[in-house]
PDB file of N, CA and C in Angstrom:
ATOM      1  N   MET A   1     117.107 -26.930  58.560  1.00  0.00           N
ATOM      2  CA  MET A   1     117.392 -25.791  57.735  1.00  0.00           C
ATOM      3  C   MET A   1     117.007 -26.122  56.289  1.00  0.00           C
ATOM      4  N   ARG A   2     116.447 -25.124  55.638  1.00  0.00           N
ATOM      5  CA  ARG A   2     116.090 -25.271  54.231  1.00  0.00           C
ATOM      6  C   ARG A   2     116.711 -24.104  53.457  1.00  0.00           C
ATOM      7  N   THR A   3     117.323 -24.404  52.324  1.00  0.00           N
ATOM      8  CA  THR A   3     117.912 -23.346  51.501  1.00  0.00           C
ATOM      9  C   THR A   3     117.268 -23.318  50.135  1.00  0.00           C
ATOM     10  N   GLU A   4     117.123 -22.134  49.599  1.00  0.00           N
ATOM     11  CA  GLU A   4     116.638 -21.923  48.234  1.00  0.00           C
ATOM     12  C   GLU A   4     117.581 -20.928  47.573  1.00  0.00           C
ATOM     13  N   LEU A   5     118.657 -21.448  46.980  1.00  0.00           N
ATOM     14  CA  LEU A   5     119.620 -20.589  46.310  1.00  0.00           C
ATOM     15  C   LEU A   5     119.153 -20.317  44.886  1.00  0.00           C
ATOM     16  N   LYS A   6     119.379 -19.105  44.440  1.00  0.00           N
ATOM     17  CA  LYS A   6     118.915 -18.712  43.114  1.00  0.00           C
ATOM     18  C   LYS A   6     119.959 -19.069  42.058  1.00  0.00           C
ATOM     19  N   ALA A   7     119.514 -19.606  40.935  1.00  0.00           N
ATOM     20  CA  ALA A   7     120.416 -19.900  39.818  1.00  0.00           C
ATOM     21  C   ALA A   7     120.967 -18.595  39.242  1.00  0.00           C
ATOM     22  N   LYS A   8     120.125 -17.564  39.222  1.00  0.00           N
ATOM     23  CA  LYS A   8     120.553 -16.236  38.771  1.00  0.00           C
ATOM     24  C   LYS A   8     120.137 -15.235  39.846  1.00  0.00           C
ATOM     25  N   ALA A   9     121.107 -14.525  40.378  1.00  0.00           N
ATOM     26  CA  ALA A   9     120.833 -13.560  41.445  1.00  0.00           C
ATOM     27  C   ALA A   9     119.887 -12.468  40.962  1.00  0.00           C
ATOM     28  N   ARG A  10     118.988 -12.071  41.842  1.00  0.00           N
ATOM     29  CA  ARG A  10     118.126 -10.916  41.579  1.00  0.00           C
ATOM     30  C   ARG A  10     118.896  -9.672  41.989  1.00  0.00           C
ATOM     31  N   GLU A  11     119.118  -8.754  41.075  1.00  0.00           N
ATOM     32  CA  GLU A  11     119.854  -7.531  41.372  1.00  0.00           C
ATOM     33  C   GLU A  11     118.884  -6.385  41.614  1.00  0.00           C
ATOM     34  N   PHE A  12     119.227  -5.546  42.609  1.00  0.00           N
ATOM     35  CA  PHE A  12     118.401  -4.378  42.912  1.00  0.00           C
ATOM     36  C   PHE A  12     119.275  -3.298  43.532  1.00  0.00           C
ATOM     37  N   SER A  13     118.786  -2.068  43.499  1.00  0.00           N
ATOM     38  CA  SER A  13     119.526  -0.919  44.023  1.00  0.00           C
ATOM     39  C   SER A  13     118.712  -0.232  45.110  1.00  0.00           C
ATOM     40  N   PRO A  14     119.065  -0.466  46.400  1.00  0.00           N
ATOM     41  CA  PRO A  14     118.320   0.188  47.476  1.00  0.00           C
ATOM     42  C   PRO A  14     118.620   1.681  47.569  1.00  0.00           C
ATOM     43  N   VAL A  15     119.802   2.077  47.102  1.00  0.00           N
ATOM     44  CA  VAL A  15     120.187   3.494  47.042  1.00  0.00           C
ATOM     45  C   VAL A  15     120.948   3.699  45.730  1.00  0.00           C
ATOM     46  N   PRO A  16     120.926   4.908  45.187  1.00  0.00           N
ATOM     47  CA  PRO A  16     121.650   5.165  43.942  1.00  0.00           C
ATOM     48  C   PRO A  16     123.142   4.821  44.088  1.00  0.00           C
ATOM     49  N   GLY A  17     123.682   4.148  43.066  1.00  0.00           N
ATOM     50  CA  GLY A  17     125.099   3.819  43.057  1.00  0.00           C
ATOM     51  C   GLY A  17     125.472   2.531  43.764  1.00  0.00           C
ATOM     52  N   LEU A  18     124.494   1.816  44.311  1.00  0.00           N
ATOM     53  CA  LEU A  18     124.763   0.553  44.996  1.00  0.00           C
ATOM     54  C   LEU A  18     123.840  -0.515  44.434  1.00  0.00           C
ATOM     55  N   THR A  19     124.421  -1.578  43.913  1.00  0.00           N
ATOM     56  CA  THR A  19     123.641  -2.705  43.407  1.00  0.00           C
ATOM     57  C   THR A  19     123.907  -3.910  44.294  1.00  0.00           C
ATOM     58  N   LEU A  20     122.854  -4.505  44.822  1.00  0.00           N
ATOM     59  CA  LEU A  20     122.944  -5.711  45.638  1.00  0.00           C
ATOM     60  C   LEU A  20     122.465  -6.906  44.835  1.00  0.00           C
ATOM     61  N   LYS A  21     122.948  -8.085  45.226  1.00  0.00           N
ATOM     62  CA  LYS A  21     122.526  -9.326  44.587  1.00  0.00           C
ATOM     63  C   LYS A  21     121.854 -10.211  45.626  1.00  0.00           C
ATOM     64  N   ASP A  22     120.585 -10.505  45.415  1.00  0.00           N
ATOM     65  CA  ASP A  22     119.835 -11.431  46.271  1.00  0.00           C
ATOM     66  C   ASP A  22     120.177 -12.840  45.812  1.00  0.00           C
ATOM     67  N   MET A  23     120.891 -13.594  46.661  1.00  0.00           N
ATOM     68  CA  MET A  23     121.393 -14.916  46.296  1.00  0.00           C
ATOM     69  C   MET A  23     120.453 -16.047  46.684  1.00  0.00           C
ATOM     70  N   GLY A  24     119.403 -15.748  47.468  1.00  0.00           N
ATOM     71  CA  GLY A  24     118.468 -16.793  47.843  1.00  0.00           C
ATOM     72  C   GLY A  24     118.019 -16.680  49.281  1.00  0.00           C
ATOM     73  N   ASP A  25     117.386 -17.744  49.765  1.00  0.00           N
ATOM     74  CA  ASP A  25     116.807 -17.773  51.104  1.00  0.00           C
ATOM     75  C   ASP A  25     117.356 -18.934  51.917  1.00  0.00           C
ATOM     76  N   ILE A  26     117.436 -18.712  53.225  1.00  0.00           N
ATOM     77  CA  ILE A  26     117.751 -19.763  54.196  1.00  0.00           C
ATOM     78  C   ILE A  26     116.646 -19.726  55.240  1.00  0.00           C
ATOM     79  N   GLN A  27     115.998 -20.838  55.453  1.00  0.00           N
ATOM     80  CA  GLN A  27     114.951 -20.917  56.469  1.00  0.00           C
ATOM     81  C   GLN A  27     115.463 -21.795  57.606  1.00  0.00           C
ATOM     82  N   LEU A  28     115.563 -21.211  58.793  1.00  0.00           N
ATOM     83  CA  LEU A  28     116.050 -21.934  59.962  1.00  0.00           C
ATOM     84  C   LEU A  28     114.895 -22.368  60.847  1.00  0.00           C
ATOM     85  N   GLU A  29     115.050 -23.504  61.474  1.00  0.00           N
ATOM     86  CA  GLU A  29     114.128 -23.954  62.515  1.00  0.00           C
ATOM     87  C   GLU A  29     114.651 -23.431  63.859  1.00  0.00           C
ATOM     88  N   ASP A  30     113.836 -23.535  64.903  1.00  0.00           N
ATOM     89  CA  ASP A  30     114.258 -23.089  66.232  1.00  0.00           C
ATOM     90  C   ASP A  30     115.587 -23.723  66.612  1.00  0.00           C
ATOM     91  N   ASN A  31     116.457 -22.912  67.213  1.00  0.00           N
ATOM     92  CA  ASN A  31     117.763 -23.326  67.734  1.00  0.00           C
ATOM     93  C   ASN A  31     118.739 -23.772  66.647  1.00  0.00           C
ATOM     94  N   GLU A  32     118.543 -23.303  65.415  1.00  0.00           N
ATOM     95  CA  GLU A  32     119.510 -23.547  64.355  1.00  0.00           C
ATOM     96  C   GLU A  32     120.263 -22.245  64.076  1.00  0.00           C
ATOM     97  N   GLN A  33     121.505 -22.406  63.654  1.00  0.00           N
ATOM     98  CA  GLN A  33     122.376 -21.258  63.426  1.00  0.00           C
ATOM     99  C   GLN A  33     123.124 -21.411  62.112  1.00  0.00           C
ATOM    100  N   VAL A  34     123.362 -20.284  61.438  1.00  0.00           N
ATOM    101  CA  VAL A  34     124.261 -20.246  60.295  1.00  0.00           C
ATOM    102  C   VAL A  34     125.320 -19.182  60.585  1.00  0.00           C
ATOM    103  N   THR A  35     126.525 -19.410  60.060  1.00  0.00           N
ATOM    104  CA  THR A  35     127.616 -18.462  60.221  1.00  0.00           C
ATOM    105  C   THR A  35     128.044 -17.974  58.849  1.00  0.00           C
ATOM    106  N   PHE A  36     128.111 -16.677  58.706  1.00  0.00           N
ATOM    107  CA  PHE A  36     128.572 -16.054  57.475  1.00  0.00           C
ATOM    108  C   PHE A  36     130.034 -15.682  57.683  1.00  0.00           C
ATOM    109  N   ARG A  37     130.918 -16.273  56.907  1.00  0.00           N
ATOM    110  CA  ARG A  37     132.357 -16.106  57.102  1.00  0.00           C
ATOM    111  C   ARG A  37     132.971 -15.202  56.038  1.00  0.00           C
ATOM    112  N   ILE A  38     133.959 -14.404  56.482  1.00  0.00           N
ATOM    113  CA  ILE A  38     134.783 -13.634  55.556  1.00  0.00           C
ATOM    114  C   ILE A  38     136.219 -14.141  55.583  1.00  0.00           C
ATOM    115  N   ALA A  39     136.546 -14.960  56.589  1.00  0.00           N
ATOM    116  CA  ALA A  39     137.860 -15.602  56.710  1.00  0.00           C
ATOM    117  C   ALA A  39     137.726 -16.679  57.776  1.00  0.00           C
ATOM    118  N   PRO A  40     138.620 -17.660  57.797  1.00  0.00           N
ATOM    119  CA  PRO A  40     138.563 -18.663  58.874  1.00  0.00           C
ATOM    120  C   PRO A  40     138.649 -17.970  60.242  1.00  0.00           C
ATOM    121  N   GLY A  41     137.741 -18.349  61.140  1.00  0.00           N
ATOM    122  CA  GLY A  41     137.727 -17.769  62.476  1.00  0.00           C
ATOM    123  C   GLY A  41     137.156 -16.372  62.550  1.00  0.00           C
ATOM    124  N   LYS A  42     136.640 -15.859  61.439  1.00  0.00           N
ATOM    125  CA  LYS A  42     136.088 -14.500  61.418  1.00  0.00           C
ATOM    126  C   LYS A  42     134.750 -14.536  60.705  1.00  0.00           C
ATOM    127  N   GLY A  43     133.674 -14.455  61.488  1.00  0.00           N
ATOM    128  CA  GLY A  43     132.351 -14.551  60.891  1.00  0.00           C
ATOM    129  C   GLY A  43     131.268 -13.995  61.779  1.00  0.00           C
ATOM    130  N   HIS A  44     130.069 -14.080  61.284  1.00  0.00           N
ATOM    131  CA  HIS A  44     128.893 -13.505  61.935  1.00  0.00           C
ATOM    132  C   HIS A  44     127.806 -14.570  61.993  1.00  0.00           C
ATOM    133  N   ASP A  45     127.298 -14.833  63.192  1.00  0.00           N
ATOM    134  CA  ASP A  45     126.257 -15.847  63.393  1.00  0.00           C
ATOM    135  C   ASP A  45     124.867 -15.231  63.365  1.00  0.00           C
ATOM    136  N   VAL A  46     123.932 -15.970  62.819  1.00  0.00           N
ATOM    137  CA  VAL A  46     122.501 -15.667  62.944  1.00  0.00           C
ATOM    138  C   VAL A  46     121.856 -16.942  63.479  1.00  0.00           C
ATOM    139  N   THR A  47     121.123 -16.802  64.584  1.00  0.00           N
ATOM    140  CA  THR A  47     120.524 -17.958  65.250  1.00  0.00           C
ATOM    141  C   THR A  47     119.020 -17.776  65.365  1.00  0.00           C
ATOM    142  N   ARG A  48     118.268 -18.782  64.944  1.00  0.00           N
ATOM    143  CA  ARG A  48     116.809 -18.776  65.060  1.00  0.00           C
ATOM    144  C   ARG A  48     116.429 -19.308  66.430  1.00  0.00           C
ATOM    145  N   MET A  49     115.610 -18.560  67.133  1.00  0.00           N
ATOM    146  CA  MET A  49     115.100 -18.966  68.447  1.00  0.00           C
ATOM    147  C   MET A  49     113.579 -19.082  68.345  1.00  0.00           C
ATOM    148  N   GLU A  50     112.956 -19.683  69.319  1.00  0.00           N
ATOM    149  CA  GLU A  50     111.496 -19.819  69.274  1.00  0.00           C
ATOM    150  C   GLU A  50     110.811 -18.464  69.326  1.00  0.00           C
ATOM    151  N   TRP A  51     111.496 -17.442  69.848  1.00  0.00           N
ATOM    152  CA  TRP A  51     110.915 -16.102  69.985  1.00  0.00           C
ATOM    153  C   TRP A  51     111.348 -15.136  68.880  1.00  0.00           C
ATOM    154  N   GLY A  52     112.246 -15.565  67.987  1.00  0.00           N
ATOM    155  CA  GLY A  52     112.738 -14.663  66.937  1.00  0.00           C
ATOM    156  C   GLY A  52     114.156 -15.031  66.535  1.00  0.00           C
ATOM    157  N   PHE A  53     115.069 -14.041  66.506  1.00  0.00           N
ATOM    158  CA  PHE A  53     116.448 -14.257  66.073  1.00  0.00           C
ATOM    159  C   PHE A  53     117.448 -13.578  66.993  1.00  0.00           C
ATOM    160  N   TYR A  54     118.563 -14.214  67.207  1.00  0.00           N
ATOM    161  CA  TYR A  54     119.782 -13.538  67.610  1.00  0.00           C
ATOM    162  C   TYR A  54     120.414 -13.117  66.289  1.00  0.00           C
ATOM    163  N   LEU A  55     120.573 -11.826  66.062  1.00  0.00           N
ATOM    164  CA  LEU A  55     121.133 -11.363  64.799  1.00  0.00           C
ATOM    165  C   LEU A  55     122.653 -11.284  64.816  1.00  0.00           C
ATOM    166  N   ALA A  56     123.243 -11.392  65.992  1.00  0.00           N
ATOM    167  CA  ALA A  56     124.704 -11.295  66.084  1.00  0.00           C
ATOM    168  C   ALA A  56     125.186 -11.992  67.343  1.00  0.00           C
ATOM    169  N   ASN A  57     126.458 -12.371  67.319  1.00  0.00           N
ATOM    170  CA  ASN A  57     127.088 -12.842  68.543  1.00  0.00           C
ATOM    171  C   ASN A  57     127.257 -11.615  69.452  1.00  0.00           C
ATOM    172  N   SER A  58     127.813 -11.801  70.627  1.00  0.00           N
ATOM    173  CA  SER A  58     127.963 -10.657  71.529  1.00  0.00           C
ATOM    174  C   SER A  58     128.868  -9.613  70.876  1.00  0.00           C
ATOM    175  N   VAL A  59     128.371  -8.387  70.835  1.00  0.00           N
ATOM    176  CA  VAL A  59     129.083  -7.330  70.118  1.00  0.00           C
ATOM    177  C   VAL A  59     130.302  -6.827  70.879  1.00  0.00           C
ATOM    178  N   ASN A  60     130.268  -6.931  72.208  1.00  0.00           N
ATOM    179  CA  ASN A  60     131.403  -6.423  72.979  1.00  0.00           C
ATOM    180  C   ASN A  60     132.368  -7.536  73.391  1.00  0.00           C
ATOM    181  N   TRP A  61     132.183  -8.746  72.829  1.00  0.00           N
ATOM    182  CA  TRP A  61     133.117  -9.827  73.131  1.00  0.00           C
ATOM    183  C   TRP A  61     133.480 -10.593  71.849  1.00  0.00           C
ATOM    184  N   ASN A  62     132.609 -11.489  71.386  1.00  0.00           N
ATOM    185  CA  ASN A  62     132.940 -12.329  70.225  1.00  0.00           C
ATOM    186  C   ASN A  62     133.272 -11.505  68.980  1.00  0.00           C
ATOM    187  N   LEU A  63     132.368 -10.627  68.587  1.00  0.00           N
ATOM    188  CA  LEU A  63     132.598  -9.855  67.368  1.00  0.00           C
ATOM    189  C   LEU A  63     133.790  -8.919  67.524  1.00  0.00           C
ATOM    190  N   LYS A  64     133.893  -8.280  68.687  1.00  0.00           N
ATOM    191  CA  LYS A  64     135.021  -7.386  68.948  1.00  0.00           C
ATOM    192  C   LYS A  64     136.342  -8.151  68.870  1.00  0.00           C
ATOM    193  N   ASN A  65     136.396  -9.348  69.446  1.00  0.00           N
ATOM    194  CA  ASN A  65     137.623 -10.152  69.422  1.00  0.00           C
ATOM    195  C   ASN A  65     137.963 -10.656  68.021  1.00  0.00           C
ATOM    196  N   GLN A  66     136.979 -10.677  67.118  1.00  0.00           N
ATOM    197  CA  GLN A  66     137.233 -11.055  65.726  1.00  0.00           C
ATOM    198  C   GLN A  66     137.615  -9.842  64.871  1.00  0.00           C
ATOM    199  N   GLY A  67     137.642  -8.663  65.491  1.00  0.00           N
ATOM    200  CA  GLY A  67     138.049  -7.456  64.775  1.00  0.00           C
ATOM    201  C   GLY A  67     136.919  -6.653  64.176  1.00  0.00           C
ATOM    202  N   PHE A  68     135.677  -6.946  64.567  1.00  0.00           N
ATOM    203  CA  PHE A  68     134.535  -6.170  64.074  1.00  0.00           C
ATOM    204  C   PHE A  68     134.177  -5.060  65.054  1.00  0.00           C
ATOM    205  N   LYS A  69     133.717  -3.940  64.510  1.00  0.00           N
ATOM    206  CA  LYS A  69     133.064  -2.909  65.304  1.00  0.00           C
ATOM    207  C   LYS A  69     131.583  -2.978  64.930  1.00  0.00           C
ATOM    208  N   THR A  70     130.725  -2.764  65.908  1.00  0.00           N
ATOM    209  CA  THR A  70     129.285  -2.863  65.688  1.00  0.00           C
ATOM    210  C   THR A  70     128.663  -1.488  65.856  1.00  0.00           C
ATOM    211  N   ALA A  71     128.006  -1.018  64.805  1.00  0.00           N
ATOM    212  CA  ALA A  71     127.425   0.320  64.802  1.00  0.00           C
ATOM    213  C   ALA A  71     125.912   0.254  64.677  1.00  0.00           C
ATOM    214  N   LEU A  72     125.232   1.040  65.507  1.00  0.00           N
ATOM    215  CA  LEU A  72     123.816   1.321  65.315  1.00  0.00           C
ATOM    216  C   LEU A  72     123.789   2.589  64.469  1.00  0.00           C
ATOM    217  N   VAL A  73     123.178   2.491  63.286  1.00  0.00           N
ATOM    218  CA  VAL A  73     123.228   3.561  62.284  1.00  0.00           C
ATOM    219  C   VAL A  73     121.818   4.036  61.977  1.00  0.00           C
ATOM    220  N   VAL A  74     121.677   5.347  61.766  1.00  0.00           N
ATOM    221  CA  VAL A  74     120.395   5.897  61.344  1.00  0.00           C
ATOM    222  C   VAL A  74     120.529   6.434  59.920  1.00  0.00           C
ATOM    223  N   SER A  75     119.517   6.144  59.125  1.00  0.00           N
ATOM    224  CA  SER A  75     119.417   6.638  57.756  1.00  0.00           C
ATOM    225  C   SER A  75     118.249   7.614  57.707  1.00  0.00           C
ATOM    226  N   LYS A  76     118.477   8.748  57.129  1.00  0.00           N
ATOM    227  CA  LYS A  76     117.416   9.752  57.039  1.00  0.00           C
ATOM    228  C   LYS A  76     116.655   9.566  55.738  1.00  0.00           C
ATOM    229  N   SER A  77     115.765   8.591  55.730  1.00  0.00           N
ATOM    230  CA  SER A  77     114.957   8.269  54.562  1.00  0.00           C
ATOM    231  C   SER A  77     113.848   9.307  54.386  1.00  0.00           C
ATOM    232  N   PRO A  78     113.421   9.564  53.151  1.00  0.00           N
ATOM    233  CA  PRO A  78     112.295  10.478  52.925  1.00  0.00           C
ATOM    234  C   PRO A  78     111.018  10.023  53.633  1.00  0.00           C
ATOM    235  N   THR A  79     110.902   8.732  53.908  1.00  0.00           N
ATOM    236  CA  THR A  79     109.719   8.212  54.598  1.00  0.00           C
ATOM    237  C   THR A  79     109.905   8.161  56.111  1.00  0.00           C
ATOM    238  N   GLY A  80     111.023   8.693  56.606  1.00  0.00           N
ATOM    239  CA  GLY A  80     111.287   8.717  58.041  1.00  0.00           C
ATOM    240  C   GLY A  80     112.580   7.988  58.366  1.00  0.00           C
ATOM    241  N   PRO A  81     113.134   8.257  59.548  1.00  0.00           N
ATOM    242  CA  PRO A  81     114.405   7.633  59.925  1.00  0.00           C
ATOM    243  C   PRO A  81     114.295   6.112  59.987  1.00  0.00           C
ATOM    244  N   ARG A  82     115.371   5.456  59.576  1.00  0.00           N
ATOM    245  CA  ARG A  82     115.448   3.990  59.641  1.00  0.00           C
ATOM    246  C   ARG A  82     116.723   3.608  60.372  1.00  0.00           C
ATOM    247  N   LEU A  83     116.620   2.610  61.246  1.00  0.00           N
ATOM    248  CA  LEU A  83     117.770   2.139  62.014  1.00  0.00           C
ATOM    249  C   LEU A  83     118.327   0.857  61.409  1.00  0.00           C
ATOM    250  N   PHE A  84     119.660   0.751  61.405  1.00  0.00           N
ATOM    251  CA  PHE A  84     120.351  -0.428  60.900  1.00  0.00           C
ATOM    252  C   PHE A  84     121.442  -0.826  61.881  1.00  0.00           C
ATOM    253  N   LEU A  85     121.725  -2.108  61.930  1.00  0.00           N
ATOM    254  CA  LEU A  85     122.837  -2.634  62.704  1.00  0.00           C
ATOM    255  C   LEU A  85     123.911  -3.056  61.712  1.00  0.00           C
ATOM    256  N   ASN A  86     125.090  -2.430  61.783  1.00  0.00           N
ATOM    257  CA  ASN A  86     126.174  -2.709  60.839  1.00  0.00           C
ATOM    258  C   ASN A  86     127.385  -3.267  61.562  1.00  0.00           C
ATOM    259  N   LEU A  87     127.997  -4.301  60.985  1.00  0.00           N
ATOM    260  CA  LEU A  87     129.273  -4.828  61.466  1.00  0.00           C
ATOM    261  C   LEU A  87     130.349  -4.314  60.526  1.00  0.00           C
ATOM    262  N   VAL A  88     131.348  -3.644  61.085  1.00  0.00           N
ATOM    263  CA  VAL A  88     132.404  -3.044  60.291  1.00  0.00           C
ATOM    264  C   VAL A  88     133.692  -3.821  60.522  1.00  0.00           C
ATOM    265  N   GLU A  89     134.254  -4.321  59.440  1.00  0.00           N
ATOM    266  CA  GLU A  89     135.492  -5.092  59.520  1.00  0.00           C
ATOM    267  C   GLU A  89     136.647  -4.176  59.907  1.00  0.00           C
ATOM    268  N   GLY A  90     137.494  -4.676  60.820  1.00  0.00           N
ATOM    269  CA  GLY A  90     138.658  -3.914  61.255  1.00  0.00           C
ATOM    270  C   GLY A  90     139.481  -3.448  60.073  1.00  0.00           C
ATOM    271  N   GLY A  91     139.976  -2.217  60.139  1.00  0.00           N
ATOM    272  CA  GLY A  91     140.772  -1.660  59.055  1.00  0.00           C
ATOM    273  C   GLY A  91     139.954  -1.067  57.924  1.00  0.00           C
ATOM    274  N   LYS A  92     138.620  -1.116  58.044  1.00  0.00           N
ATOM    275  CA  LYS A  92     137.769  -0.609  56.957  1.00  0.00           C
ATOM    276  C   LYS A  92     136.853   0.524  57.424  1.00  0.00           C
ATOM    277  N   LEU A  93     137.257   1.215  58.485  1.00  0.00           N
ATOM    278  CA  LEU A  93     136.441   2.316  59.007  1.00  0.00           C
ATOM    279  C   LEU A  93     136.340   3.472  58.015  1.00  0.00           C
ATOM    280  N   ALA A  94     137.409   3.751  57.275  1.00  0.00           N
ATOM    281  CA  ALA A  94     137.365   4.847  56.301  1.00  0.00           C
ATOM    282  C   ALA A  94     136.335   4.559  55.207  1.00  0.00           C
ATOM    283  N   GLN A  95     136.304   3.311  54.709  1.00  0.00           N
ATOM    284  CA  GLN A  95     135.313   2.947  53.688  1.00  0.00           C
ATOM    285  C   GLN A  95     133.904   3.041  54.257  1.00  0.00           C
ATOM    286  N   PHE A  96     133.733   2.620  55.514  1.00  0.00           N
ATOM    287  CA  PHE A  96     132.427   2.681  56.163  1.00  0.00           C
ATOM    288  C   PHE A  96     131.978   4.137  56.314  1.00  0.00           C
ATOM    289  N   GLN A  97     132.878   5.005  56.781  1.00  0.00           N
ATOM    290  CA  GLN A  97     132.526   6.421  56.951  1.00  0.00           C
ATOM    291  C   GLN A  97     132.165   7.055  55.609  1.00  0.00           C
ATOM    292  N   ALA A  98     132.894   6.684  54.542  1.00  0.00           N
ATOM    293  CA  ALA A  98     132.581   7.217  53.205  1.00  0.00           C
ATOM    294  C   ALA A  98     131.194   6.750  52.763  1.00  0.00           C
ATOM    295  N   TYR A  99     130.865   5.478  53.021  1.00  0.00           N
ATOM    296  CA  TYR A  99     129.554   4.935  52.680  1.00  0.00           C
ATOM    297  C   TYR A  99     128.447   5.703  53.430  1.00  0.00           C
ATOM    298  N   LEU A 100     128.661   5.928  54.722  1.00  0.00           N
ATOM    299  CA  LEU A 100     127.663   6.663  55.514  1.00  0.00           C
ATOM    300  C   LEU A 100     127.473   8.072  54.964  1.00  0.00           C
ATOM    301  N   SER A 101     128.569   8.748  54.702  1.00  0.00           N
ATOM    302  CA  SER A 101     128.506  10.117  54.203  1.00  0.00           C
ATOM    303  C   SER A 101     127.781  10.187  52.856  1.00  0.00           C
ATOM    304  N   LYS A 102     128.122   9.279  51.961  1.00  0.00           N
ATOM    305  CA  LYS A 102     127.514   9.256  50.626  1.00  0.00           C
ATOM    306  C   LYS A 102     126.007   9.031  50.688  1.00  0.00           C
ATOM    307  N   ASN A 103     125.546   8.250  51.693  1.00  0.00           N
ATOM    308  CA  ASN A 103     124.141   7.869  51.768  1.00  0.00           C
ATOM    309  C   ASN A 103     123.349   8.606  52.852  1.00  0.00           C
ATOM    310  N   GLY A 104     123.917   9.681  53.391  1.00  0.00           N
ATOM    311  CA  GLY A 104     123.195  10.485  54.373  1.00  0.00           C
ATOM    312  C   GLY A 104     122.871   9.729  55.650  1.00  0.00           C
ATOM    313  N   MET A 105     123.820   8.934  56.101  1.00  0.00           N
ATOM    314  CA  MET A 105     123.619   8.120  57.301  1.00  0.00           C
ATOM    315  C   MET A 105     124.618   8.551  58.376  1.00  0.00           C
ATOM    316  N   GLU A 106     124.329   8.200  59.625  1.00  0.00           N
ATOM    317  CA  GLU A 106     125.288   8.493  60.691  1.00  0.00           C
ATOM    318  C   GLU A 106     125.206   7.440  61.784  1.00  0.00           C
ATOM    319  N   VAL A 107     126.316   7.288  62.500  1.00  0.00           N
ATOM    320  CA  VAL A 107     126.391   6.339  63.609  1.00  0.00           C
ATOM    321  C   VAL A 107     125.683   6.945  64.813  1.00  0.00           C
ATOM    322  N   VAL A 108     124.727   6.219  65.350  1.00  0.00           N
ATOM    323  CA  VAL A 108     124.045   6.609  66.585  1.00  0.00           C
ATOM    324  C   VAL A 108     124.914   6.197  67.774  1.00  0.00           C
ATOM    325  N   SER A 109     125.455   4.973  67.698  1.00  0.00           N
ATOM    326  CA  SER A 109     126.289   4.446  68.779  1.00  0.00           C
ATOM    327  C   SER A 109     127.161   3.317  68.263  1.00  0.00           C
ATOM    328  N   TRP A 110     128.401   3.254  68.763  1.00  0.00           N
ATOM    329  CA  TRP A 110     129.260   2.094  68.558  1.00  0.00           C
ATOM    330  C   TRP A 110     128.971   1.146  69.703  1.00  0.00           C
ATOM    331  N   LEU A 111     128.204   0.090  69.440  1.00  0.00           N
ATOM    332  CA  LEU A 111     127.734  -0.798  70.498  1.00  0.00           C
ATOM    333  C   LEU A 111     128.865  -1.590  71.141  1.00  0.00           C
ATOM    334  N   ASP A 112     129.956  -1.853  70.389  1.00  0.00           N
ATOM    335  CA  ASP A 112     131.071  -2.604  70.966  1.00  0.00           C
ATOM    336  C   ASP A 112     131.835  -1.775  72.001  1.00  0.00           C
ATOM    337  N   GLU A 113     131.578  -0.489  72.091  1.00  0.00           N
ATOM    338  CA  GLU A 113     132.275   0.376  73.052  1.00  0.00           C
ATOM    339  C   GLU A 113     131.495   0.565  74.351  1.00  0.00           C
ATOM    340  N   TRP A 114     130.311  -0.023  74.438  1.00  0.00           N
ATOM    341  CA  TRP A 114     129.556   0.046  75.695  1.00  0.00           C
ATOM    342  C   TRP A 114     130.329  -0.650  76.794  1.00  0.00           C
ATOM    343  N   PHE A 115     130.050  -0.340  77.998  1.00  0.00           N
ATOM    344  CA  PHE A 115     130.672  -0.956  79.178  1.00  0.00           C
ATOM    345  C   PHE A 115     132.169  -0.686  79.237  1.00  0.00           C
ATOM    346  N   GLY A 116     132.596   0.473  78.731  1.00  0.00           N
ATOM    347  CA  GLY A 116     133.987   0.879  78.847  1.00  0.00           C
ATOM    348  C   GLY A 116     134.922   0.288  77.826  1.00  0.00           C
ATOM    349  N   GLY A 117     134.430  -0.537  76.898  1.00  0.00           N
ATOM    350  CA  GLY A 117     135.310  -1.124  75.876  1.00  0.00           C
ATOM    351  C   GLY A 117     135.672  -0.108  74.813  1.00  0.00           C
ATOM    352  N   LYS A 118     136.844  -0.204  74.250  1.00  0.00           N
ATOM    353  CA  LYS A 118     137.274   0.691  73.159  1.00  0.00           C
ATOM    354  C   LYS A 118     137.846  -0.107  72.036  1.00  0.00           C
TER     355      LYS A 118
END
C-alpha cells in the first residue's frame, strides 16, 4: 500500500452547498484492504483484487449487522443519470432523505433489504 496524504486538503463543491475535502490518495496492491472507521467495530472495507475492487463488505450481512443501510441512488444530472452506492449510518435516514431531496436524487433500491431482509 502507498499513501499520499495532502498537507493542505483540496476543497471542491460537486453540488451547490456542499464542500468536500480531498485528503489524498491510497494505492492498494492486489489483495490489500483498507477499512474506513466511524467507530470501533463499525466501518467500511475497500479491497483491491486483481480484477478491480470490492467496494463494500456484504451489504445484507456485515454492513447491515454494523447498522448501515446500503442504497443504490440515482442522480438526475444535466449530463444524464448517474448511479451511486451510498452507505447510510443507522439513525441518520432523515438526514440522508433530506440530502437526496435537496440534490434531486432518489433511492433506486435498498440493497440490504434484498433476499427478504428488512
